[in-house]
C-alpha atoms as a PDB file:
ATOM      1  CA  UNK A   1    -193.857-143.208-147.999  1.00  0.00           C
ATOM      2  CA  UNK A   2    -193.188-139.557-147.283  1.00  0.00           C
ATOM      3  CA  UNK A   3    -189.689-138.228-146.714  1.00  0.00           C
ATOM      4  CA  UNK A   4    -190.627-137.270-143.165  1.00  0.00           C
ATOM      5  CA  UNK A   5    -191.539-140.889-142.376  1.00  0.00           C
ATOM      6  CA  UNK A   6    -188.262-142.132-143.837  1.00  0.00           C
ATOM      7  CA  UNK A   7    -186.249-139.684-141.718  1.00  0.00           C
ATOM      8  CA  UNK A   8    -188.069-140.667-138.520  1.00  0.00           C
ATOM      9  CA  UNK A   9    -187.476-144.345-139.316  1.00  0.00           C
ATOM     10  CA  UNK A  10    -183.782-143.666-139.917  1.00  0.00           C
ATOM     11  CA  UNK A  11    -183.464-141.784-136.605  1.00  0.00           C
ATOM     12  CA  UNK A  12    -185.055-144.644-134.698  1.00  0.00           C
ATOM     13  CA  UNK A  13    -182.886-147.226-136.487  1.00  0.00           C
ATOM     14  CA  UNK A  14    -179.705-145.296-135.638  1.00  0.00           C
ATOM     15  CA  UNK A  15    -180.758-145.044-132.002  1.00  0.00           C
ATOM     16  CA  UNK A  16    -181.531-148.774-131.886  1.00  0.00           C
ATOM     17  CA  UNK A  17    -178.185-149.627-133.473  1.00  0.00           C
ATOM     18  CA  UNK A  18    -176.333-147.417-131.006  1.00  0.00           C
ATOM     19  CA  UNK A  19    -178.162-148.961-128.052  1.00  0.00           C
ATOM     20  CA  UNK A  20    -177.335-152.487-129.256  1.00  0.00           C
ATOM     21  CA  UNK A  21    -173.639-151.647-129.625  1.00  0.00           C
ATOM     22  CA  UNK A  22    -173.479-150.162-126.138  1.00  0.00           C
ATOM     23  CA  UNK A  23    -175.629-152.839-124.479  1.00  0.00           C
ATOM     24  CA  UNK A  24    -173.868-155.884-125.897  1.00  0.00           C
ATOM     25  CA  UNK A  25    -170.403-154.274-126.136  1.00  0.00           C
ATOM     26  CA  UNK A  26    -170.111-155.129-129.823  1.00  0.00           C
ATOM     27  CA  UNK A  27    -166.599-154.424-131.155  1.00  0.00           C
ATOM     28  CA  UNK A  28    -166.926-151.991-134.043  1.00  0.00           C
ATOM     29  CA  UNK A  29    -163.328-150.929-134.543  1.00  0.00           C
ATOM     30  CA  UNK A  30    -163.550-147.464-132.980  1.00  0.00           C
ATOM     31  CA  UNK A  31    -163.647-146.242-129.405  1.00  0.00           C
ATOM     32  CA  UNK A  32    -167.014-146.471-127.671  1.00  0.00           C
ATOM     33  CA  UNK A  33    -167.103-142.746-126.926  1.00  0.00           C
ATOM     34  CA  UNK A  34    -166.299-141.930-130.534  1.00  0.00           C
ATOM     35  CA  UNK A  35    -169.082-144.187-131.744  1.00  0.00           C
ATOM     36  CA  UNK A  36    -171.470-142.614-129.244  1.00  0.00           C
ATOM     37  CA  UNK A  37    -170.533-139.151-130.435  1.00  0.00           C
ATOM     38  CA  UNK A  38    -171.074-140.121-134.094  1.00  0.00           C
ATOM     39  CA  UNK A  39    -174.404-141.780-133.304  1.00  0.00           C
ATOM     40  CA  UNK A  40    -175.605-138.839-131.222  1.00  0.00           C
ATOM     41  CA  UNK A  41    -174.474-136.399-133.897  1.00  0.00           C
ATOM     42  CA  UNK A  42    -176.281-138.303-136.637  1.00  0.00           C
ATOM     43  CA  UNK A  43    -179.480-138.473-134.594  1.00  0.00           C
ATOM     44  CA  UNK A  44    -179.176-134.758-133.807  1.00  0.00           C
ATOM     45  CA  UNK A  45    -178.642-133.801-137.456  1.00  0.00           C
ATOM     46  CA  UNK A  46    -181.584-135.887-138.649  1.00  0.00           C
ATOM     47  CA  UNK A  47    -183.715-134.434-135.847  1.00  0.00           C
ATOM     48  CA  UNK A  48    -182.865-130.883-136.887  1.00  0.00           C
ATOM     49  CA  UNK A  49    -183.642-131.732-140.513  1.00  0.00           C
ATOM     50  CA  UNK A  50    -186.973-133.187-139.412  1.00  0.00           C
ATOM     51  CA  UNK A  51    -187.870-130.068-137.420  1.00  0.00           C
ATOM     52  CA  UNK A  52    -186.945-127.871-140.393  1.00  0.00           C
ATOM     53  CA  UNK A  53    -189.150-129.970-142.682  1.00  0.00           C
ATOM     54  CA  UNK A  54    -192.089-129.657-140.278  1.00  0.00           C
ATOM     55  CA  UNK A  55    -191.653-125.878-140.040  1.00  0.00           C
ATOM     56  CA  UNK A  56    -191.435-125.517-143.824  1.00  0.00           C
ATOM     57  CA  UNK A  57    -194.485-127.749-144.270  1.00  0.00           C
ATOM     58  CA  UNK A  58    -196.507-125.737-141.740  1.00  0.00           C
ATOM     59  CA  UNK A  59    -195.557-122.473-143.484  1.00  0.00           C
ATOM     60  CA  UNK A  60    -196.653-123.873-146.855  1.00  0.00           C
ATOM     61  CA  UNK A  61    -200.048-124.913-145.465  1.00  0.00           C
ATOM     62  CA  UNK A  62    -200.889-121.413-144.208  1.00  0.00           C
END
């Protein structure tokens, strides 16, 4: 499995976990807004890493 596939899978898993916590109001020990900010930040960071990997890969192929 390529690193790109692993990162996409991790992004989707984080989004699914965040949706489950918000939907079912699962107590996680921190404020809901704080958890949402951490989840959004993690998804954003992994998304930026993924975009950077795609750009680097496209430059290498040229």
